[in-house]
Amino acid sequence: MKKSRPEQVTADRNQRLLIINWDDGHESRYPFAGLRAVCPCVECRGGHQNMGQPSDPALVRDTPPSDITLDGLEAVGAYALQIQWGDGHSTGIYSWEMLRNICPCELCLSG
C-alpha cells in the first residue's frame, strides 16, 4: 500500500469518530471503540512477542459502539498519533502506516 501522509486529523466527539484526510484524497473514519479495540501497545497486544502484528480493519469497523471517549490527541514526531482515552489508557502509539492499513471503509476492506 502507498505510504500516505495525513493532511488533516479531526476528532468528532459527537459522532465518536477519528477522521483522517490523507494526501492521496482518501478519507478514513475510525469509530473510537474500534480504535480502542486495536490499541497497538504492548499491554493491549498481550506482550512483546505480539508486537508488530497487523491489526484487523474489520475489528475497527465491527467493534460494538461504546461510551469510550477520546480525551486527547498528540503527534508523535512526524509518524504517529498518541491517543488519550477516557478510560485512562494512553500508551498506544498509532503510526500513520497502521492507521492507513486499518481504514475500515468498504473500499479498503474489499481491496
C-alpha atoms as a PDB file:
ATOM      1  CA  MET A   1       0.000   0.000   0.000  1.00  0.00           C
ATOM      2  CA  LYS A   2       1.170   3.507  -0.807  1.00  0.00           C
ATOM      3  CA  LYS A   3       2.626   5.346   2.161  1.00  0.00           C
ATOM      4  CA  SER A   4       0.121   8.108   2.687  1.00  0.00           C
ATOM      5  CA  ARG A   5       0.527  11.095   4.923  1.00  0.00           C
ATOM      6  CA  PRO A   6      -2.322  12.764   6.777  1.00  0.00           C
ATOM      7  CA  GLU A   7      -3.386  16.231   5.702  1.00  0.00           C
ATOM      8  CA  GLN A   8      -5.998  16.718   8.402  1.00  0.00           C
ATOM      9  CA  VAL A   9      -6.923  14.843  11.579  1.00  0.00           C
ATOM     10  CA  THR A  10     -10.227  15.549  13.324  1.00  0.00           C
ATOM     11  CA  ALA A  11     -11.709  14.026  16.453  1.00  0.00           C
ATOM     12  CA  ASP A  12     -15.502  14.259  16.101  1.00  0.00           C
ATOM     13  CA  ARG A  13     -16.537  13.651  19.683  1.00  0.00           C
ATOM     14  CA  ASN A  14     -20.275  13.860  18.900  1.00  0.00           C
ATOM     15  CA  GLN A  15     -20.110  11.046  16.327  1.00  0.00           C
ATOM     16  CA  ARG A  16     -17.260   9.303  18.214  1.00  0.00           C
ATOM     17  CA  LEU A  17     -15.110   9.194  15.088  1.00  0.00           C
ATOM     18  CA  LEU A  18     -11.482   9.965  14.331  1.00  0.00           C
ATOM     19  CA  ILE A  19     -11.430  11.318  10.783  1.00  0.00           C
ATOM     20  CA  ILE A  20      -8.222  11.445   8.772  1.00  0.00           C
ATOM     21  CA  ASN A  21      -7.977  13.074   5.372  1.00  0.00           C
ATOM     22  CA  TRP A  22      -4.959  11.625   3.557  1.00  0.00           C
ATOM     23  CA  ASP A  23      -2.724  13.305   0.997  1.00  0.00           C
ATOM     24  CA  ASP A  24      -3.962  10.941  -1.734  1.00  0.00           C
ATOM     25  CA  GLY A  25      -7.542  12.216  -1.322  1.00  0.00           C
ATOM     26  CA  HIS A  26      -8.832   9.296   0.745  1.00  0.00           C
ATOM     27  CA  GLU A  27     -10.826   9.882   3.928  1.00  0.00           C
ATOM     28  CA  SER A  28     -10.750   7.356   6.775  1.00  0.00           C
ATOM     29  CA  ARG A  29     -13.401   7.389   9.515  1.00  0.00           C
ATOM     30  CA  TYR A  30     -12.461   5.351  12.583  1.00  0.00           C
ATOM     31  CA  PRO A  31     -15.025   4.658  15.327  1.00  0.00           C
ATOM     32  CA  PHE A  32     -13.483   5.388  18.730  1.00  0.00           C
ATOM     33  CA  ALA A  33     -14.487   1.941  20.061  1.00  0.00           C
ATOM     34  CA  GLY A  34     -12.795   0.214  17.123  1.00  0.00           C
ATOM     35  CA  LEU A  35      -9.582   2.194  17.527  1.00  0.00           C
ATOM     36  CA  ARG A  36      -9.505   1.427  21.230  1.00  0.00           C
ATOM     37  CA  ALA A  37     -10.027  -2.279  20.442  1.00  0.00           C
ATOM     38  CA  VAL A  38      -6.909  -2.392  18.245  1.00  0.00           C
ATOM     39  CA  CYS A  39      -4.650  -0.390  20.542  1.00  0.00           C
ATOM     40  CA  PRO A  40      -1.085  -1.241  19.493  1.00  0.00           C
ATOM     41  CA  CYS A  41       0.543  -1.010  22.932  1.00  0.00           C
ATOM     42  CA  VAL A  42       2.335  -3.977  24.493  1.00  0.00           C
ATOM     43  CA  GLU A  43      -0.251  -4.307  27.274  1.00  0.00           C
ATOM     44  CA  CYS A  44      -3.203  -4.471  24.880  1.00  0.00           C
ATOM     45  CA  ARG A  45      -1.328  -6.753  22.465  1.00  0.00           C
ATOM     46  CA  GLY A  46      -0.572  -9.243  25.221  1.00  0.00           C
ATOM     47  CA  GLY A  47       3.206  -8.962  25.364  1.00  0.00           C
ATOM     48  CA  HIS A  48       6.235  -8.041  23.307  1.00  0.00           C
ATOM     49  CA  GLN A  49       6.026 -11.244  21.246  1.00  0.00           C
ATOM     50  CA  ASN A  50       2.766  -9.967  19.701  1.00  0.00           C
ATOM     51  CA  MET A  51       4.074  -6.535  18.763  1.00  0.00           C
ATOM     52  CA  GLY A  52       4.198  -5.677  15.080  1.00  0.00           C
ATOM     53  CA  GLN A  53       1.330  -7.956  14.131  1.00  0.00           C
ATOM     54  CA  PRO A  54      -1.132  -6.240  11.779  1.00  0.00           C
ATOM     55  CA  SER A  55      -4.475  -5.180  13.186  1.00  0.00           C
ATOM     56  CA  ASP A  56      -7.719  -6.262  11.553  1.00  0.00           C
ATOM     57  CA  PRO A  57      -9.607  -3.368   9.931  1.00  0.00           C
ATOM     58  CA  ALA A  58     -12.840  -5.390  10.236  1.00  0.00           C
ATOM     59  CA  LEU A  59     -12.376  -5.280  14.024  1.00  0.00           C
ATOM     60  CA  VAL A  60     -12.160  -1.494  13.813  1.00  0.00           C
ATOM     61  CA  ARG A  61     -15.429  -1.441  11.855  1.00  0.00           C
ATOM     62  CA  ASP A  62     -17.276  -4.174  13.770  1.00  0.00           C
ATOM     63  CA  THR A  63     -16.437  -3.421  17.415  1.00  0.00           C
ATOM     64  CA  PRO A  64     -19.751  -2.506  19.037  1.00  0.00           C
ATOM     65  CA  PRO A  65     -20.138   1.172  19.910  1.00  0.00           C
ATOM     66  CA  SER A  66     -19.276   2.033  23.480  1.00  0.00           C
ATOM     67  CA  ASP A  67     -19.139   5.068  25.701  1.00  0.00           C
ATOM     68  CA  ILE A  68     -15.341   5.324  25.291  1.00  0.00           C
ATOM     69  CA  THR A  69     -14.235   8.902  24.867  1.00  0.00           C
ATOM     70  CA  LEU A  70     -11.190  10.347  23.197  1.00  0.00           C
ATOM     71  CA  ASP A  71      -9.782  12.889  25.621  1.00  0.00           C
ATOM     72  CA  GLY A  72      -6.697  13.967  23.696  1.00  0.00           C
ATOM     73  CA  LEU A  73      -4.518  13.529  20.618  1.00  0.00           C
ATOM     74  CA  GLU A  74      -0.816  14.196  20.444  1.00  0.00           C
ATOM     75  CA  ALA A  75       1.530  13.950  17.481  1.00  0.00           C
ATOM     76  CA  VAL A  76       4.478  11.604  17.973  1.00  0.00           C
ATOM     77  CA  GLY A  77       7.170  13.019  15.761  1.00  0.00           C
ATOM     78  CA  ALA A  78       6.038  13.013  12.150  1.00  0.00           C
ATOM     79  CA  TYR A  79       4.997   9.374  12.129  1.00  0.00           C
ATOM     80  CA  ALA A  80       2.191   8.695  14.595  1.00  0.00           C
ATOM     81  CA  LEU A  81      -0.573   9.744  16.977  1.00  0.00           C
ATOM     82  CA  GLN A  82      -0.827   9.015  20.657  1.00  0.00           C
ATOM     83  CA  ILE A  83      -4.415   8.908  21.882  1.00  0.00           C
ATOM     84  CA  GLN A  84      -5.532   9.608  25.422  1.00  0.00           C
ATOM     85  CA  TRP A  85      -8.672   7.550  26.010  1.00  0.00           C
ATOM     86  CA  GLY A  86     -11.354   8.344  28.559  1.00  0.00           C
ATOM     87  CA  ASP A  87     -10.666   5.068  30.372  1.00  0.00           C
ATOM     88  CA  GLY A  88      -7.241   6.431  31.357  1.00  0.00           C
ATOM     89  CA  HIS A  89      -5.283   4.453  28.749  1.00  0.00           C
ATOM     90  CA  SER A  90      -2.757   6.415  26.692  1.00  0.00           C
ATOM     91  CA  THR A  91       0.255   4.237  25.874  1.00  0.00           C
ATOM     92  CA  GLY A  92      -0.727   3.151  22.366  1.00  0.00           C
ATOM     93  CA  ILE A  93       1.127   4.833  19.526  1.00  0.00           C
ATOM     94  CA  TYR A  94      -0.857   4.622  16.301  1.00  0.00           C
ATOM     95  CA  SER A  95       1.513   5.080  13.358  1.00  0.00           C
ATOM     96  CA  TRP A  96       0.222   6.686  10.174  1.00  0.00           C
ATOM     97  CA  GLU A  97       1.025   3.418   8.372  1.00  0.00           C
ATOM     98  CA  MET A  98      -1.033   1.400  10.864  1.00  0.00           C
ATOM     99  CA  LEU A  99      -3.927   3.842  10.675  1.00  0.00           C
ATOM    100  CA  ARG A 100      -3.976   3.759   6.888  1.00  0.00           C
ATOM    101  CA  ASN A 101      -3.804  -0.052   6.890  1.00  0.00           C
ATOM    102  CA  ILE A 102      -6.768  -0.361   9.273  1.00  0.00           C
ATOM    103  CA  CYS A 103      -9.067   2.019   7.410  1.00  0.00           C
ATOM    104  CA  PRO A 104     -12.492   0.443   7.964  1.00  0.00           C
ATOM    105  CA  CYS A 105     -14.208   1.793   4.841  1.00  0.00           C
ATOM    106  CA  GLU A 106     -15.743  -0.634   2.355  1.00  0.00           C
ATOM    107  CA  LEU A 107     -13.241   0.299  -0.367  1.00  0.00           C
ATOM    108  CA  CYS A 108     -10.249  -0.519   1.846  1.00  0.00           C
ATOM    109  CA  LEU A 109     -11.822  -3.653   3.347  1.00  0.00           C
ATOM    110  CA  SER A 110     -12.599  -5.079  -0.092  1.00  0.00           C
ATOM    111  CA  GLY A 111      -9.270  -4.116  -1.650  1.00  0.00           C
END
